[in-house]
PDB file of N, CA and C in Angstrom:
ATOM      1  N   MET A   1      91.906  78.383 118.418  1.00  0.00           N
ATOM      2  CA  MET A   1      91.805  79.548 117.565  1.00  0.00           C
ATOM      3  C   MET A   1      90.617  79.301 116.625  1.00  0.00           C
ATOM      4  N   ASN A   2      89.645  80.175 116.693  1.00  0.00           N
ATOM      5  CA  ASN A   2      88.457  79.980 115.861  1.00  0.00           C
ATOM      6  C   ASN A   2      88.589  80.729 114.529  1.00  0.00           C
ATOM      7  N   VAL A   3      87.623  80.499 113.652  1.00  0.00           N
ATOM      8  CA  VAL A   3      87.654  81.079 112.310  1.00  0.00           C
ATOM      9  C   VAL A   3      87.695  82.603 112.366  1.00  0.00           C
ATOM     10  N   GLN A   4      86.940  83.199 113.270  1.00  0.00           N
ATOM     11  CA  GLN A   4      86.911  84.665 113.381  1.00  0.00           C
ATOM     12  C   GLN A   4      88.289  85.200 113.780  1.00  0.00           C
ATOM     13  N   GLU A   5      88.968  84.533 114.715  1.00  0.00           N
ATOM     14  CA  GLU A   5      90.304  84.967 115.124  1.00  0.00           C
ATOM     15  C   GLU A   5      91.297  84.839 113.964  1.00  0.00           C
ATOM     16  N   VAL A   6      91.194  83.751 113.214  1.00  0.00           N
ATOM     17  CA  VAL A   6      92.081  83.555 112.063  1.00  0.00           C
ATOM     18  C   VAL A   6      91.893  84.692 111.065  1.00  0.00           C
ATOM     19  N   ARG A   7      90.664  85.065 110.802  1.00  0.00           N
ATOM     20  CA  ARG A   7      90.384  86.161 109.859  1.00  0.00           C
ATOM     21  C   ARG A   7      90.938  87.492 110.362  1.00  0.00           C
ATOM     22  N   LYS A   8      90.765  87.755 111.654  1.00  0.00           N
ATOM     23  CA  LYS A   8      91.277  88.997 112.236  1.00  0.00           C
ATOM     24  C   LYS A   8      92.802  89.043 112.182  1.00  0.00           C
ATOM     25  N   LEU A   9      93.431  87.919 112.509  1.00  0.00           N
ATOM     26  CA  LEU A   9      94.893  87.860 112.473  1.00  0.00           C
ATOM     27  C   LEU A   9      95.414  88.000 111.049  1.00  0.00           C
ATOM     28  N   ASP A  10      94.721  87.401 110.095  1.00  0.00           N
ATOM     29  CA  ASP A  10      95.081  87.522 108.688  1.00  0.00           C
ATOM     30  C   ASP A  10      95.048  88.992 108.255  1.00  0.00           C
ATOM     31  N   ALA A  11      93.964  89.668 108.566  1.00  0.00           N
ATOM     32  CA  ALA A  11      93.827  91.085 108.201  1.00  0.00           C
ATOM     33  C   ALA A  11      94.874  91.938 108.925  1.00  0.00           C
ATOM     34  N   TYR A  12      95.125  91.639 110.189  1.00  0.00           N
ATOM     35  CA  TYR A  12      96.105  92.394 110.971  1.00  0.00           C
ATOM     36  C   TYR A  12      97.507  92.273 110.366  1.00  0.00           C
ATOM     37  N   LEU A  13      97.932  91.048 110.056  1.00  0.00           N
ATOM     38  CA  LEU A  13      99.278  90.850 109.511  1.00  0.00           C
ATOM     39  C   LEU A  13      99.416  91.489 108.134  1.00  0.00           C
ATOM     40  N   LYS A  14      98.383  91.412 107.318  1.00  0.00           N
ATOM     41  CA  LYS A  14      98.420  92.064 106.004  1.00  0.00           C
ATOM     42  C   LYS A  14      98.622  93.567 106.152  1.00  0.00           C
ATOM     43  N   ARG A  15      97.913  94.144 107.102  1.00  0.00           N
ATOM     44  CA  ARG A  15      98.002  95.594 107.322  1.00  0.00           C
ATOM     45  C   ARG A  15      99.360  95.984 107.915  1.00  0.00           C
ATOM     46  N   VAL A  16      99.795  95.280 108.949  1.00  0.00           N
ATOM     47  CA  VAL A  16     101.040  95.625 109.642  1.00  0.00           C
ATOM     48  C   VAL A  16     102.258  95.482 108.729  1.00  0.00           C
ATOM     49  N   PHE A  17     102.289  94.411 107.932  1.00  0.00           N
ATOM     50  CA  PHE A  17     103.437  94.172 107.066  1.00  0.00           C
ATOM     51  C   PHE A  17     103.242  94.723 105.659  1.00  0.00           C
ATOM     52  N   GLY A  18     102.085  95.290 105.381  1.00  0.00           N
ATOM     53  CA  GLY A  18     101.830  95.882 104.070  1.00  0.00           C
ATOM     54  C   GLY A  18     101.959  94.884 102.942  1.00  0.00           C
ATOM     55  N   ASN A  19     101.456  93.667 103.175  1.00  0.00           N
ATOM     56  CA  ASN A  19     101.600  92.616 102.176  1.00  0.00           C
ATOM     57  C   ASN A  19     100.295  91.832 102.063  1.00  0.00           C
ATOM     58  N   ALA A  20      99.602  92.013 100.967  1.00  0.00           N
ATOM     59  CA  ALA A  20      98.318  91.348 100.744  1.00  0.00           C
ATOM     60  C   ALA A  20      98.466  89.852 100.475  1.00  0.00           C
ATOM     61  N   LYS A  21      99.701  89.384 100.258  1.00  0.00           N
ATOM     62  CA  LYS A  21      99.915  87.960  99.980  1.00  0.00           C
ATOM     63  C   LYS A  21     100.041  87.104 101.244  1.00  0.00           C
ATOM     64  N   ILE A  22     100.053  87.745 102.414  1.00  0.00           N
ATOM     65  CA  ILE A  22     100.122  86.998 103.672  1.00  0.00           C
ATOM     66  C   ILE A  22      98.799  86.261 103.884  1.00  0.00           C
ATOM     67  N   ARG A  23      98.906  84.996 104.313  1.00  0.00           N
ATOM     68  CA  ARG A  23      97.717  84.198 104.610  1.00  0.00           C
ATOM     69  C   ARG A  23      97.891  83.498 105.953  1.00  0.00           C
ATOM     70  N   VAL A  24      96.860  83.560 106.783  1.00  0.00           N
ATOM     71  CA  VAL A  24      96.833  82.816 108.035  1.00  0.00           C
ATOM     72  C   VAL A  24      95.882  81.653 107.822  1.00  0.00           C
ATOM     73  N   VAL A  25      96.395  80.430 108.060  1.00  0.00           N
ATOM     74  CA  VAL A  25      95.651  79.213 107.758  1.00  0.00           C
ATOM     75  C   VAL A  25      95.549  78.350 109.014  1.00  0.00           C
ATOM     76  N   PRO A  26      94.330  77.930 109.385  1.00  0.00           N
ATOM     77  CA  PRO A  26      94.193  77.037 110.548  1.00  0.00           C
ATOM     78  C   PRO A  26      94.989  75.748 110.338  1.00  0.00           C
ATOM     79  N   ARG A  27      95.505  75.196 111.423  1.00  0.00           N
ATOM     80  CA  ARG A  27      96.241  73.931 111.348  1.00  0.00           C
ATOM     81  C   ARG A  27      95.271  72.777 111.571  1.00  0.00           C
ATOM     82  N   PRO A  28      95.379  71.746 110.763  1.00  0.00           N
ATOM     83  CA  PRO A  28      94.498  70.586 110.957  1.00  0.00           C
ATOM     84  C   PRO A  28      94.748  69.942 112.322  1.00  0.00           C
ATOM     85  N   LYS A  29      93.686  69.642 113.022  1.00  0.00           N
ATOM     86  CA  LYS A  29      93.737  68.937 114.316  1.00  0.00           C
ATOM     87  C   LYS A  29      94.429  69.722 115.424  1.00  0.00           C
ATOM     88  N   LYS A  30      94.639  71.024 115.226  1.00  0.00           N
ATOM     89  CA  LYS A  30      95.230  71.875 116.270  1.00  0.00           C
ATOM     90  C   LYS A  30      94.340  73.095 116.430  1.00  0.00           C
ATOM     91  N   ASP A  31      93.986  73.424 117.664  1.00  0.00           N
ATOM     92  CA  ASP A  31      93.153  74.612 117.880  1.00  0.00           C
ATOM     93  C   ASP A  31      93.892  75.709 118.640  1.00  0.00           C
ATOM     94  N   ASP A  32      95.197  75.495 118.864  1.00  0.00           N
ATOM     95  CA  ASP A  32      95.983  76.482 119.603  1.00  0.00           C
ATOM     96  C   ASP A  32      96.954  77.250 118.724  1.00  0.00           C
ATOM     97  N   SER A  33      96.847  77.053 117.388  1.00  0.00           N
ATOM     98  CA  SER A  33      97.807  77.715 116.513  1.00  0.00           C
ATOM     99  C   SER A  33      97.298  77.736 115.077  1.00  0.00           C
ATOM    100  N   ALA A  34      97.975  78.546 114.250  1.00  0.00           N
ATOM    101  CA  ALA A  34      97.674  78.642 112.824  1.00  0.00           C
ATOM    102  C   ALA A  34      98.993  78.866 112.084  1.00  0.00           C
ATOM    103  N   GLU A  35      99.031  78.471 110.823  1.00  0.00           N
ATOM    104  CA  GLU A  35     100.220  78.651 110.004  1.00  0.00           C
ATOM    105  C   GLU A  35     100.135  79.970 109.240  1.00  0.00           C
ATOM    106  N   VAL A  36     101.299  80.570 108.974  1.00  0.00           N
ATOM    107  CA  VAL A  36     101.356  81.823 108.235  1.00  0.00           C
ATOM    108  C   VAL A  36     102.172  81.599 106.968  1.00  0.00           C
ATOM    109  N   TYR A  37     101.628  82.065 105.859  1.00  0.00           N
ATOM    110  CA  TYR A  37     102.260  81.927 104.552  1.00  0.00           C
ATOM    111  C   TYR A  37     102.356  83.295 103.883  1.00  0.00           C
ATOM    112  N   ILE A  38     103.348  83.429 103.010  1.00  0.00           N
ATOM    113  CA  ILE A  38     103.370  84.518 102.040  1.00  0.00           C
ATOM    114  C   ILE A  38     103.289  83.818 100.691  1.00  0.00           C
ATOM    115  N   GLY A  39     102.165  84.003 100.029  1.00  0.00           N
ATOM    116  CA  GLY A  39     101.910  83.221  98.825  1.00  0.00           C
ATOM    117  C   GLY A  39     101.821  81.761  99.220  1.00  0.00           C
ATOM    118  N   GLU A  40     102.645  80.925  98.617  1.00  0.00           N
ATOM    119  CA  GLU A  40     102.663  79.488  98.936  1.00  0.00           C
ATOM    120  C   GLU A  40     103.786  79.123  99.896  1.00  0.00           C
ATOM    121  N   GLU A  41     104.625  80.096 100.259  1.00  0.00           N
ATOM    122  CA  GLU A  41     105.767  79.806 101.131  1.00  0.00           C
ATOM    123  C   GLU A  41     105.396  79.931 102.604  1.00  0.00           C
ATOM    124  N   PHE A  42     105.602  78.846 103.338  1.00  0.00           N
ATOM    125  CA  PHE A  42     105.377  78.831 104.779  1.00  0.00           C
ATOM    126  C   PHE A  42     106.434  79.694 105.450  1.00  0.00           C
ATOM    127  N   ILE A  43     105.996  80.618 106.330  1.00  0.00           N
ATOM    128  CA  ILE A  43     106.974  81.483 107.006  1.00  0.00           C
ATOM    129  C   ILE A  43     106.952  81.370 108.521  1.00  0.00           C
ATOM    130  N   GLY A  44     105.878  80.815 109.114  1.00  0.00           N
ATOM    131  CA  GLY A  44     105.856  80.724 110.567  1.00  0.00           C
ATOM    132  C   GLY A  44     104.541  80.238 111.124  1.00  0.00           C
ATOM    133  N   VAL A  45     104.465  80.271 112.448  1.00  0.00           N
ATOM    134  CA  VAL A  45     103.292  79.783 113.170  1.00  0.00           C
ATOM    135  C   VAL A  45     102.831  80.840 114.170  1.00  0.00           C
ATOM    136  N   LEU A  46     101.539  81.038 114.244  1.00  0.00           N
ATOM    137  CA  LEU A  46     100.918  81.888 115.262  1.00  0.00           C
ATOM    138  C   LEU A  46     100.373  80.986 116.360  1.00  0.00           C
ATOM    139  N   PHE A  47     100.758  81.245 117.598  1.00  0.00           N
ATOM    140  CA  PHE A  47     100.292  80.472 118.739  1.00  0.00           C
ATOM    141  C   PHE A  47      99.391  81.321 119.620  1.00  0.00           C
ATOM    142  N   VAL A  48      98.380  80.696 120.212  1.00  0.00           N
ATOM    143  CA  VAL A  48      97.503  81.359 121.176  1.00  0.00           C
ATOM    144  C   VAL A  48      98.152  81.262 122.546  1.00  0.00           C
ATOM    145  N   ASP A  49      98.122  82.349 123.302  1.00  0.00           N
ATOM    146  CA  ASP A  49      98.595  82.374 124.683  1.00  0.00           C
ATOM    147  C   ASP A  49      97.426  82.805 125.559  1.00  0.00           C
ATOM    148  N   ASP A  50      96.922  81.874 126.354  1.00  0.00           N
ATOM    149  CA  ASP A  50      95.756  82.129 127.204  1.00  0.00           C
ATOM    150  C   ASP A  50      96.107  82.270 128.682  1.00  0.00           C
ATOM    151  N   GLU A  51      97.342  82.526 128.993  1.00  0.00           N
ATOM    152  CA  GLU A  51      97.739  82.630 130.398  1.00  0.00           C
ATOM    153  C   GLU A  51      97.045  83.785 131.089  1.00  0.00           C
ATOM    154  N   ASP A  52      96.669  83.563 132.326  1.00  0.00           N
ATOM    155  CA  ASP A  52      96.070  84.598 133.182  1.00  0.00           C
ATOM    156  C   ASP A  52      94.825  85.234 132.562  1.00  0.00           C
ATOM    157  N   ASP A  53      94.071  84.463 131.785  1.00  0.00           N
ATOM    158  CA  ASP A  53      92.832  84.952 131.160  1.00  0.00           C
ATOM    159  C   ASP A  53      93.046  86.195 130.303  1.00  0.00           C
ATOM    160  N   ASP A  54      94.258  86.394 129.835  1.00  0.00           N
ATOM    161  CA  ASP A  54      94.583  87.527 128.975  1.00  0.00           C
ATOM    162  C   ASP A  54      95.040  86.961 127.638  1.00  0.00           C
ATOM    163  N   ARG A  55      94.117  86.796 126.701  1.00  0.00           N
ATOM    164  CA  ARG A  55      94.404  86.139 125.427  1.00  0.00           C
ATOM    165  C   ARG A  55      95.293  87.011 124.546  1.00  0.00           C
ATOM    166  N   SER A  56      96.363  86.401 124.051  1.00  0.00           N
ATOM    167  CA  SER A  56      97.268  87.086 123.126  1.00  0.00           C
ATOM    168  C   SER A  56      97.781  86.054 122.122  1.00  0.00           C
ATOM    169  N   PHE A  57      98.548  86.520 121.151  1.00  0.00           N
ATOM    170  CA  PHE A  57      99.040  85.656 120.092  1.00  0.00           C
ATOM    171  C   PHE A  57     100.522  85.909 119.901  1.00  0.00           C
ATOM    172  N   GLN A  58     101.266  84.835 119.662  1.00  0.00           N
ATOM    173  CA  GLN A  58     102.701  84.945 119.420  1.00  0.00           C
ATOM    174  C   GLN A  58     102.998  84.418 118.024  1.00  0.00           C
ATOM    175  N   PHE A  59     103.785  85.187 117.271  1.00  0.00           N
ATOM    176  CA  PHE A  59     104.202  84.775 115.940  1.00  0.00           C
ATOM    177  C   PHE A  59     105.624  84.264 116.035  1.00  0.00           C
ATOM    178  N   GLN A  60     105.856  83.042 115.571  1.00  0.00           N
ATOM    179  CA  GLN A  60     107.187  82.446 115.616  1.00  0.00           C
ATOM    180  C   GLN A  60     107.645  82.127 114.195  1.00  0.00           C
ATOM    181  N   MET A  61     108.812  82.664 113.851  1.00  0.00           N
ATOM    182  CA  MET A  61     109.365  82.475 112.506  1.00  0.00           C
ATOM    183  C   MET A  61     110.815  82.044 112.626  1.00  0.00           C
ATOM    184  N   ALA A  62     111.140  80.907 112.037  1.00  0.00           N
ATOM    185  CA  ALA A  62     112.518  80.422 112.030  1.00  0.00           C
ATOM    186  C   ALA A  62     113.186  80.875 110.741  1.00  0.00           C
ATOM    187  N   ILE A  63     114.420  81.341 110.854  1.00  0.00           N
ATOM    188  CA  ILE A  63     115.202  81.733 109.681  1.00  0.00           C
ATOM    189  C   ILE A  63     116.432  80.828 109.649  1.00  0.00           C
ATOM    190  N   LEU A  64     116.503  80.008 108.616  1.00  0.00           N
ATOM    191  CA  LEU A  64     117.626  79.082 108.483  1.00  0.00           C
ATOM    192  C   LEU A  64     118.830  79.787 107.873  1.00  0.00           C
ATOM    193  N   GLU A  65     120.006  79.350 108.267  1.00  0.00           N
ATOM    194  CA  GLU A  65     121.221  79.954 107.729  1.00  0.00           C
ATOM    195  C   GLU A  65     121.271  79.828 106.207  1.00  0.00           C
ATOM    196  N   GLU A  66     120.773  78.719 105.677  1.00  0.00           N
ATOM    197  CA  GLU A  66     120.782  78.533 104.219  1.00  0.00           C
ATOM    198  C   GLU A  66     119.887  79.544 103.505  1.00  0.00           C
ATOM    199  N   ASP A  67     118.848  80.025 104.209  1.00  0.00           N
ATOM    200  CA  ASP A  67     117.987  81.058 103.620  1.00  0.00           C
ATOM    201  C   ASP A  67     118.726  82.385 103.460  1.00  0.00           C
ATOM    202  N   LEU A  68     119.727  82.614 104.292  1.00  0.00           N
ATOM    203  CA  LEU A  68     120.489  83.857 104.258  1.00  0.00           C
ATOM    204  C   LEU A  68     121.530  83.879 103.150  1.00  0.00           C
ATOM    205  N   ALA A  69     121.864  82.717 102.588  1.00  0.00           N
ATOM    206  CA  ALA A  69     122.884  82.632 101.553  1.00  0.00           C
ATOM    207  C   ALA A  69     122.523  83.454 100.322  1.00  0.00           C
ATOM    208  N   ASP A  70     121.237  83.549 100.010  1.00  0.00           N
ATOM    209  CA  ASP A  70     120.792  84.293  98.840  1.00  0.00           C
ATOM    210  C   ASP A  70     120.826  85.804  99.050  1.00  0.00           C
ATOM    211  N   VAL A  71     120.954  86.242 100.293  1.00  0.00           N
ATOM    212  CA  VAL A  71     120.896  87.660 100.620  1.00  0.00           C
ATOM    213  C   VAL A  71     122.210  88.363 100.284  1.00  0.00           C
ATOM    214  N   GLY A  72     123.297  87.680 100.433  1.00  0.00           N
ATOM    215  CA  GLY A  72     124.565  88.310 100.067  1.00  0.00           C
ATOM    216  C   GLY A  72     125.574  88.141 101.063  1.00  0.00           C
TER     217      GLY A  72
END
């Protein structure tokens, strides 16, 4: 994942989720993924999928049961 892709994904997620605090950050020593944050809180990972020469991106977000305790 190059710098231009990271910037495009950052802008895309901000627009889609309507949240200017979303940040897409390259991962050190990894070129197949980037981390996603809202403010300083890590929320997930974006992975590159290059299968069949059709480049796409997958967003993976884990939600822990303990995170749901505050919801009600």
